[in-house]
């Protein structure tokens, strides 16, 4: 119970208040369905047109 309380306090200290134990880069994302969440990624891509 002490480890669980420590983890809860750690999560509350984060900006998005989320911790993933399997993949630290994934976050809970809301979907269009009622009360259905998906653990996933917000992928962003950039292209440098000057590089060869």
C-alpha atoms as a PDB file:
ATOM      1  CA  UNK A   1       0.000   0.000   0.000  1.00  0.00           C
ATOM      2  CA  UNK A   2       2.909   2.347   0.690  1.00  0.00           C
ATOM      3  CA  UNK A   3       4.318   1.790  -2.830  1.00  0.00           C
ATOM      4  CA  UNK A   4       0.893   2.442  -4.330  1.00  0.00           C
ATOM      5  CA  UNK A   5       0.542   5.689  -2.366  1.00  0.00           C
ATOM      6  CA  UNK A   6       4.029   6.768  -3.451  1.00  0.00           C
ATOM      7  CA  UNK A   7       3.159   6.034  -7.097  1.00  0.00           C
ATOM      8  CA  UNK A   8      -0.077   8.016  -6.793  1.00  0.00           C
ATOM      9  CA  UNK A   9       1.825  10.994  -5.372  1.00  0.00           C
ATOM     10  CA  UNK A  10       4.392  10.705  -8.171  1.00  0.00           C
ATOM     11  CA  UNK A  11       1.615  10.713 -10.798  1.00  0.00           C
ATOM     12  CA  UNK A  12      -0.043  13.765  -9.259  1.00  0.00           C
ATOM     13  CA  UNK A  13       3.260  15.652  -9.505  1.00  0.00           C
ATOM     14  CA  UNK A  14       3.441  15.135 -13.302  1.00  0.00           C
ATOM     15  CA  UNK A  15       1.922  17.716 -15.678  1.00  0.00           C
ATOM     16  CA  UNK A  16      -0.539  15.238 -17.221  1.00  0.00           C
ATOM     17  CA  UNK A  17      -0.865  13.135 -14.032  1.00  0.00           C
ATOM     18  CA  UNK A  18      -0.312   9.853 -15.902  1.00  0.00           C
ATOM     19  CA  UNK A  19       2.171   7.017 -15.451  1.00  0.00           C
ATOM     20  CA  UNK A  20       2.464   4.038 -17.783  1.00  0.00           C
ATOM     21  CA  UNK A  21       4.284   1.076 -16.285  1.00  0.00           C
ATOM     22  CA  UNK A  22       4.774  -0.673 -19.641  1.00  0.00           C
ATOM     23  CA  UNK A  23       5.739   2.246 -21.905  1.00  0.00           C
ATOM     24  CA  UNK A  24       6.680   5.622 -20.405  1.00  0.00           C
ATOM     25  CA  UNK A  25       6.015   7.432 -23.718  1.00  0.00           C
ATOM     26  CA  UNK A  26       2.372   6.336 -24.056  1.00  0.00           C
ATOM     27  CA  UNK A  27      -0.563   8.357 -22.702  1.00  0.00           C
ATOM     28  CA  UNK A  28      -4.267   7.832 -22.275  1.00  0.00           C
ATOM     29  CA  UNK A  29      -6.150   9.420 -25.191  1.00  0.00           C
ATOM     30  CA  UNK A  30      -9.896  10.062 -25.216  1.00  0.00           C
ATOM     31  CA  UNK A  31     -11.865   8.570 -28.084  1.00  0.00           C
ATOM     32  CA  UNK A  32     -15.222   9.516 -29.568  1.00  0.00           C
ATOM     33  CA  UNK A  33     -17.022   6.714 -27.704  1.00  0.00           C
ATOM     34  CA  UNK A  34     -18.536   7.181 -24.276  1.00  0.00           C
ATOM     35  CA  UNK A  35     -16.023   6.592 -21.490  1.00  0.00           C
ATOM     36  CA  UNK A  36     -13.626   4.699 -23.735  1.00  0.00           C
ATOM     37  CA  UNK A  37      -9.959   5.590 -23.567  1.00  0.00           C
ATOM     38  CA  UNK A  38      -7.080   4.270 -25.641  1.00  0.00           C
ATOM     39  CA  UNK A  39      -3.465   4.100 -24.539  1.00  0.00           C
ATOM     40  CA  UNK A  40      -1.504   5.458 -27.465  1.00  0.00           C
ATOM     41  CA  UNK A  41       0.821   8.085 -28.878  1.00  0.00           C
ATOM     42  CA  UNK A  42       0.460  11.564 -30.323  1.00  0.00           C
ATOM     43  CA  UNK A  43       2.859  11.244 -33.250  1.00  0.00           C
ATOM     44  CA  UNK A  44       4.279  14.405 -34.777  1.00  0.00           C
ATOM     45  CA  UNK A  45       6.489  14.507 -37.863  1.00  0.00           C
ATOM     46  CA  UNK A  46       8.705  17.223 -39.302  1.00  0.00           C
ATOM     47  CA  UNK A  47      10.480  17.390 -42.669  1.00  0.00           C
ATOM     48  CA  UNK A  48      13.664  19.345 -43.336  1.00  0.00           C
ATOM     49  CA  UNK A  49      13.539  20.379 -46.995  1.00  0.00           C
ATOM     50  CA  UNK A  50      17.085  21.753 -46.897  1.00  0.00           C
ATOM     51  CA  UNK A  51      18.779  18.512 -45.844  1.00  0.00           C
ATOM     52  CA  UNK A  52      19.923  16.024 -48.446  1.00  0.00           C
END
